[in-house]
Amino acid sequence: MRYSVGFVLALALVGWPLSASAQSAQEAPGVKLQLDEVGVEVVPSPPRTVDGYTLEEMELRARGAKIGLGVSAAFSIAGAAMFGAGIARWDLCIFAPPEGCNDDSGLMIAGMVLMTGGVVGLIVSGAMLGKRKRKLREVQVARYRTPHRVRWDLAQSRLVF
């Protein structure tokens, strides 16, 4: 029972959403070489956002925040179940002590630690998910939005709506 608190803390740290990332100081190359069946061709690299991420990288970051939110919710639910079981056992030992019932509140404490860690993880990963999805939507709107005004297209020599 004395190792259970350390075990619960280790589980809480494993379930914590990982948000720290390191970026290299080097700039990404302007073009990439792509090999097809036909031959080698030069393909421009995908455009990057202000933060230095491509659209695909931003989608992966949002997906990671969703996973962190799910893991935090699972830890919170597991902690609540452990806390509830500890309360039920504690009530039995206090009000109607059977033979050999010692007042051991370790399950209740472990459940409270897991539940608290899960709730903190829910708050943090929820904020991260909201921020990352908002930035992703901004990039998608800026990239796929069509212009609303009439302009002259030089390549086609006509008006484009």
C-alpha atoms as a PDB file:
ATOM      1  CA  MET A   1       0.000   0.000   0.000  1.00  0.00           C
ATOM      2  CA  ARG A   2       2.899   2.348   0.630  1.00  0.00           C
ATOM      3  CA  TYR A   3       3.969   2.104  -3.018  1.00  0.00           C
ATOM      4  CA  SER A   4       0.509   2.907  -4.318  1.00  0.00           C
ATOM      5  CA  VAL A   5       0.925   6.692  -4.050  1.00  0.00           C
ATOM      6  CA  GLY A   6       4.120   6.562  -6.094  1.00  0.00           C
ATOM      7  CA  PHE A   7       2.468   4.275  -8.601  1.00  0.00           C
ATOM      8  CA  VAL A   8      -0.522   6.619  -8.922  1.00  0.00           C
ATOM      9  CA  LEU A   9       1.785   9.598  -9.443  1.00  0.00           C
ATOM     10  CA  ALA A  10       3.709   7.688 -12.099  1.00  0.00           C
ATOM     11  CA  LEU A  11       0.439   6.840 -13.878  1.00  0.00           C
ATOM     12  CA  ALA A  12      -0.656  10.476 -13.683  1.00  0.00           C
ATOM     13  CA  LEU A  13       2.618  11.622 -15.240  1.00  0.00           C
ATOM     14  CA  VAL A  14       2.298   9.087 -18.054  1.00  0.00           C
ATOM     15  CA  GLY A  15      -1.219  10.308 -18.819  1.00  0.00           C
ATOM     16  CA  TRP A  16      -0.259  13.972 -18.782  1.00  0.00           C
ATOM     17  CA  PRO A  17      -0.573  15.513 -22.252  1.00  0.00           C
ATOM     18  CA  LEU A  18       2.812  16.121 -23.833  1.00  0.00           C
ATOM     19  CA  SER A  19       2.949  19.616 -25.228  1.00  0.00           C
ATOM     20  CA  ALA A  20       6.602  20.560 -25.109  1.00  0.00           C
ATOM     21  CA  SER A  21       8.289  20.457 -28.466  1.00  0.00           C
ATOM     22  CA  ALA A  22      11.619  21.596 -29.793  1.00  0.00           C
ATOM     23  CA  GLN A  23      12.186  23.187 -33.135  1.00  0.00           C
ATOM     24  CA  SER A  24      15.446  23.419 -34.974  1.00  0.00           C
ATOM     25  CA  ALA A  25      16.894  26.831 -35.662  1.00  0.00           C
ATOM     26  CA  GLN A  26      17.332  25.966 -39.331  1.00  0.00           C
ATOM     27  CA  GLU A  27      14.838  27.170 -41.855  1.00  0.00           C
ATOM     28  CA  ALA A  28      13.027  24.623 -43.979  1.00  0.00           C
ATOM     29  CA  PRO A  29      14.233  24.469 -47.590  1.00  0.00           C
ATOM     30  CA  GLY A  30      12.253  26.419 -50.131  1.00  0.00           C
ATOM     31  CA  VAL A  31      11.918  23.464 -52.490  1.00  0.00           C
ATOM     32  CA  LYS A  32      11.974  19.676 -52.225  1.00  0.00           C
ATOM     33  CA  LEU A  33      12.995  17.059 -54.719  1.00  0.00           C
ATOM     34  CA  GLN A  34      10.312  14.517 -55.488  1.00  0.00           C
ATOM     35  CA  LEU A  35      11.000  11.231 -57.269  1.00  0.00           C
ATOM     36  CA  ASP A  36       8.300   9.839 -59.554  1.00  0.00           C
ATOM     37  CA  GLU A  37       8.264   7.039 -62.116  1.00  0.00           C
ATOM     38  CA  VAL A  38       8.958   9.644 -64.753  1.00  0.00           C
ATOM     39  CA  GLY A  39      11.919  11.264 -63.024  1.00  0.00           C
ATOM     40  CA  VAL A  40      12.932  13.861 -60.504  1.00  0.00           C
ATOM     41  CA  GLU A  41      10.996  17.097 -60.251  1.00  0.00           C
ATOM     42  CA  VAL A  42      11.268  20.119 -58.011  1.00  0.00           C
ATOM     43  CA  VAL A  43       8.235  20.680 -55.797  1.00  0.00           C
ATOM     44  CA  PRO A  44       7.828  23.775 -53.631  1.00  0.00           C
ATOM     45  CA  SER A  45       7.530  23.007 -49.930  1.00  0.00           C
ATOM     46  CA  PRO A  46       4.106  23.565 -48.346  1.00  0.00           C
ATOM     47  CA  PRO A  47       3.519  27.050 -46.946  1.00  0.00           C
ATOM     48  CA  ARG A  48       4.141  27.531 -43.249  1.00  0.00           C
ATOM     49  CA  THR A  49       2.160  29.522 -40.723  1.00  0.00           C
ATOM     50  CA  VAL A  50       3.491  32.299 -38.524  1.00  0.00           C
ATOM     51  CA  ASP A  51       4.371  29.684 -35.897  1.00  0.00           C
ATOM     52  CA  GLY A  52       6.394  27.712 -38.454  1.00  0.00           C
ATOM     53  CA  TYR A  53       4.009  24.780 -38.906  1.00  0.00           C
ATOM     54  CA  THR A  54       2.470  23.410 -42.060  1.00  0.00           C
ATOM     55  CA  LEU A  55      -1.242  22.693 -42.267  1.00  0.00           C
ATOM     56  CA  GLU A  56      -0.641  18.969 -41.795  1.00  0.00           C
ATOM     57  CA  GLU A  57       1.541  19.576 -38.742  1.00  0.00           C
ATOM     58  CA  MET A  58      -1.172  21.775 -37.238  1.00  0.00           C
ATOM     59  CA  GLU A  59      -3.745  19.009 -37.803  1.00  0.00           C
ATOM     60  CA  LEU A  60      -1.431  16.546 -36.033  1.00  0.00           C
ATOM     61  CA  ARG A  61      -1.009  18.931 -33.110  1.00  0.00           C
ATOM     62  CA  ALA A  62      -4.773  19.307 -32.773  1.00  0.00           C
ATOM     63  CA  ARG A  63      -5.131  15.511 -32.890  1.00  0.00           C
ATOM     64  CA  GLY A  64      -2.519  15.175 -30.127  1.00  0.00           C
ATOM     65  CA  ALA A  65      -4.459  17.630 -27.972  1.00  0.00           C
ATOM     66  CA  LYS A  66      -7.622  15.565 -28.533  1.00  0.00           C
ATOM     67  CA  ILE A  67      -5.781  12.445 -27.394  1.00  0.00           C
ATOM     68  CA  GLY A  68      -4.513  14.304 -24.321  1.00  0.00           C
ATOM     69  CA  LEU A  69      -8.055  15.361 -23.521  1.00  0.00           C
ATOM     70  CA  GLY A  70      -9.271  11.765 -23.775  1.00  0.00           C
ATOM     71  CA  VAL A  71      -6.460  10.406 -21.591  1.00  0.00           C
ATOM     72  CA  SER A  72      -7.118  13.080 -18.971  1.00  0.00           C
ATOM     73  CA  ALA A  73     -10.825  12.247 -18.968  1.00  0.00           C
ATOM     74  CA  ALA A  74     -10.021   8.558 -18.512  1.00  0.00           C
ATOM     75  CA  PHE A  75      -7.773   9.297 -15.539  1.00  0.00           C
ATOM     76  CA  SER A  76     -10.402  11.553 -14.018  1.00  0.00           C
ATOM     77  CA  ILE A  77     -13.088   8.865 -14.345  1.00  0.00           C
ATOM     78  CA  ALA A  78     -10.782   6.162 -12.965  1.00  0.00           C
ATOM     79  CA  GLY A  79      -9.862   8.406 -10.045  1.00  0.00           C
ATOM     80  CA  ALA A  80     -13.508   9.135  -9.304  1.00  0.00           C
ATOM     81  CA  ALA A  81     -14.273   5.402  -9.312  1.00  0.00           C
ATOM     82  CA  MET A  82     -11.364   4.682  -6.963  1.00  0.00           C
ATOM     83  CA  PHE A  83     -12.378   7.556  -4.689  1.00  0.00           C
ATOM     84  CA  GLY A  84     -15.975   6.293  -4.598  1.00  0.00           C
ATOM     85  CA  ALA A  85     -14.831   2.771  -3.753  1.00  0.00           C
ATOM     86  CA  GLY A  86     -12.575   4.157  -1.031  1.00  0.00           C
ATOM     87  CA  ILE A  87     -15.436   6.181   0.451  1.00  0.00           C
ATOM     88  CA  ALA A  88     -17.727   3.140   0.450  1.00  0.00           C
ATOM     89  CA  ARG A  89     -15.087   1.019   2.158  1.00  0.00           C
ATOM     90  CA  TRP A  90     -14.291   3.799   4.635  1.00  0.00           C
ATOM     91  CA  ASP A  91     -17.986   4.169   5.539  1.00  0.00           C
ATOM     92  CA  LEU A  92     -18.245   0.435   6.215  1.00  0.00           C
ATOM     93  CA  CYS A  93     -15.216   0.485   8.505  1.00  0.00           C
ATOM     94  CA  ILE A  94     -16.292   3.590  10.445  1.00  0.00           C
ATOM     95  CA  PHE A  95     -19.983   2.927  11.049  1.00  0.00           C
ATOM     96  CA  ALA A  96     -20.124  -0.867  11.284  1.00  0.00           C
ATOM     97  CA  PRO A  97     -16.600  -2.182  11.814  1.00  0.00           C
ATOM     98  CA  PRO A  98     -16.425  -5.881  10.929  1.00  0.00           C
ATOM     99  CA  GLU A  99     -13.699  -8.154  12.224  1.00  0.00           C
ATOM    100  CA  GLY A 100     -10.273  -7.273  10.861  1.00  0.00           C
ATOM    101  CA  CYS A 101     -11.331  -3.943   9.341  1.00  0.00           C
ATOM    102  CA  ASN A 102      -8.541  -1.415   9.668  1.00  0.00           C
ATOM    103  CA  ASP A 103      -9.087   2.209   8.761  1.00  0.00           C
ATOM    104  CA  ASP A 104      -7.042   2.266   5.569  1.00  0.00           C
ATOM    105  CA  SER A 105      -7.849   5.290   3.411  1.00  0.00           C
ATOM    106  CA  GLY A 106      -5.183   4.622   0.762  1.00  0.00           C
ATOM    107  CA  LEU A 107      -7.677   3.826  -1.980  1.00  0.00           C
ATOM    108  CA  MET A 108      -9.517   7.047  -1.261  1.00  0.00           C
ATOM    109  CA  ILE A 109      -6.310   9.103  -1.361  1.00  0.00           C
ATOM    110  CA  ALA A 110      -5.104   7.413  -4.553  1.00  0.00           C
ATOM    111  CA  GLY A 111      -8.458   8.071  -6.183  1.00  0.00           C
ATOM    112  CA  MET A 112      -8.358  11.706  -5.136  1.00  0.00           C
ATOM    113  CA  VAL A 113      -4.857  12.121  -6.586  1.00  0.00           C
ATOM    114  CA  LEU A 114      -5.860  10.510  -9.878  1.00  0.00           C
ATOM    115  CA  MET A 115      -9.068  12.507 -10.062  1.00  0.00           C
ATOM    116  CA  THR A 116      -7.266  15.796  -9.337  1.00  0.00           C
ATOM    117  CA  GLY A 117      -4.590  15.068 -11.923  1.00  0.00           C
ATOM    118  CA  GLY A 118      -7.246  14.159 -14.460  1.00  0.00           C
ATOM    119  CA  VAL A 119      -9.202  17.366 -13.868  1.00  0.00           C
ATOM    120  CA  VAL A 120      -6.058  19.495 -14.173  1.00  0.00           C
ATOM    121  CA  GLY A 121      -5.185  17.613 -17.359  1.00  0.00           C
ATOM    122  CA  LEU A 122      -8.706  18.219 -18.695  1.00  0.00           C
ATOM    123  CA  ILE A 123      -8.386  21.947 -18.095  1.00  0.00           C
ATOM    124  CA  VAL A 124      -4.928  22.237 -19.653  1.00  0.00           C
ATOM    125  CA  SER A 125      -5.518  19.968 -22.637  1.00  0.00           C
ATOM    126  CA  GLY A 126      -8.932  21.532 -23.269  1.00  0.00           C
ATOM    127  CA  ALA A 127      -7.343  24.971 -23.459  1.00  0.00           C
ATOM    128  CA  MET A 128      -4.607  23.638 -25.746  1.00  0.00           C
ATOM    129  CA  LEU A 129      -7.168  21.949 -27.995  1.00  0.00           C
ATOM    130  CA  GLY A 130      -9.219  25.122 -28.286  1.00  0.00           C
ATOM    131  CA  LYS A 131      -6.184  27.213 -29.143  1.00  0.00           C
ATOM    132  CA  ARG A 132      -4.848  24.756 -31.712  1.00  0.00           C
ATOM    133  CA  LYS A 133      -8.219  24.252 -33.400  1.00  0.00           C
ATOM    134  CA  ARG A 134      -8.744  28.020 -33.588  1.00  0.00           C
ATOM    135  CA  LYS A 135      -5.365  28.491 -35.289  1.00  0.00           C
ATOM    136  CA  LEU A 136      -6.083  25.586 -37.632  1.00  0.00           C
ATOM    137  CA  ARG A 137      -9.436  27.101 -38.636  1.00  0.00           C
ATOM    138  CA  GLU A 138      -7.789  30.479 -39.260  1.00  0.00           C
ATOM    139  CA  VAL A 139      -5.218  28.897 -41.566  1.00  0.00           C
ATOM    140  CA  GLN A 140      -7.851  26.849 -43.399  1.00  0.00           C
ATOM    141  CA  VAL A 141     -10.064  29.885 -43.943  1.00  0.00           C
ATOM    142  CA  ALA A 142      -7.131  31.963 -45.154  1.00  0.00           C
ATOM    143  CA  ARG A 143      -5.938  29.220 -47.503  1.00  0.00           C
ATOM    144  CA  TYR A 144      -9.206  28.037 -49.047  1.00  0.00           C
ATOM    145  CA  ARG A 145     -11.200  31.236 -49.061  1.00  0.00           C
ATOM    146  CA  THR A 146     -12.089  32.589 -52.470  1.00  0.00           C
ATOM    147  CA  PRO A 147     -11.834  36.300 -53.113  1.00  0.00           C
ATOM    148  CA  HIS A 148     -15.170  38.099 -52.961  1.00  0.00           C
ATOM    149  CA  ARG A 149     -14.341  40.891 -55.325  1.00  0.00           C
ATOM    150  CA  VAL A 150     -14.033  41.052 -59.048  1.00  0.00           C
ATOM    151  CA  ARG A 151     -10.470  41.154 -60.323  1.00  0.00           C
ATOM    152  CA  TRP A 152      -8.662  40.930 -63.629  1.00  0.00           C
ATOM    153  CA  ASP A 153      -6.683  37.692 -64.091  1.00  0.00           C
ATOM    154  CA  LEU A 154      -3.619  38.399 -66.216  1.00  0.00           C
ATOM    155  CA  ALA A 155      -2.916  34.742 -66.992  1.00  0.00           C
ATOM    156  CA  GLN A 156      -6.399  34.114 -68.415  1.00  0.00           C
ATOM    157  CA  SER A 157      -7.017  37.667 -69.691  1.00  0.00           C
ATOM    158  CA  ARG A 158     -10.514  37.853 -68.234  1.00  0.00           C
ATOM    159  CA  LEU A 159     -12.515  38.963 -65.210  1.00  0.00           C
ATOM    160  CA  VAL A 160     -12.557  36.532 -62.302  1.00  0.00           C
ATOM    161  CA  PHE A 161     -15.374  36.608 -59.770  1.00  0.00           C
END
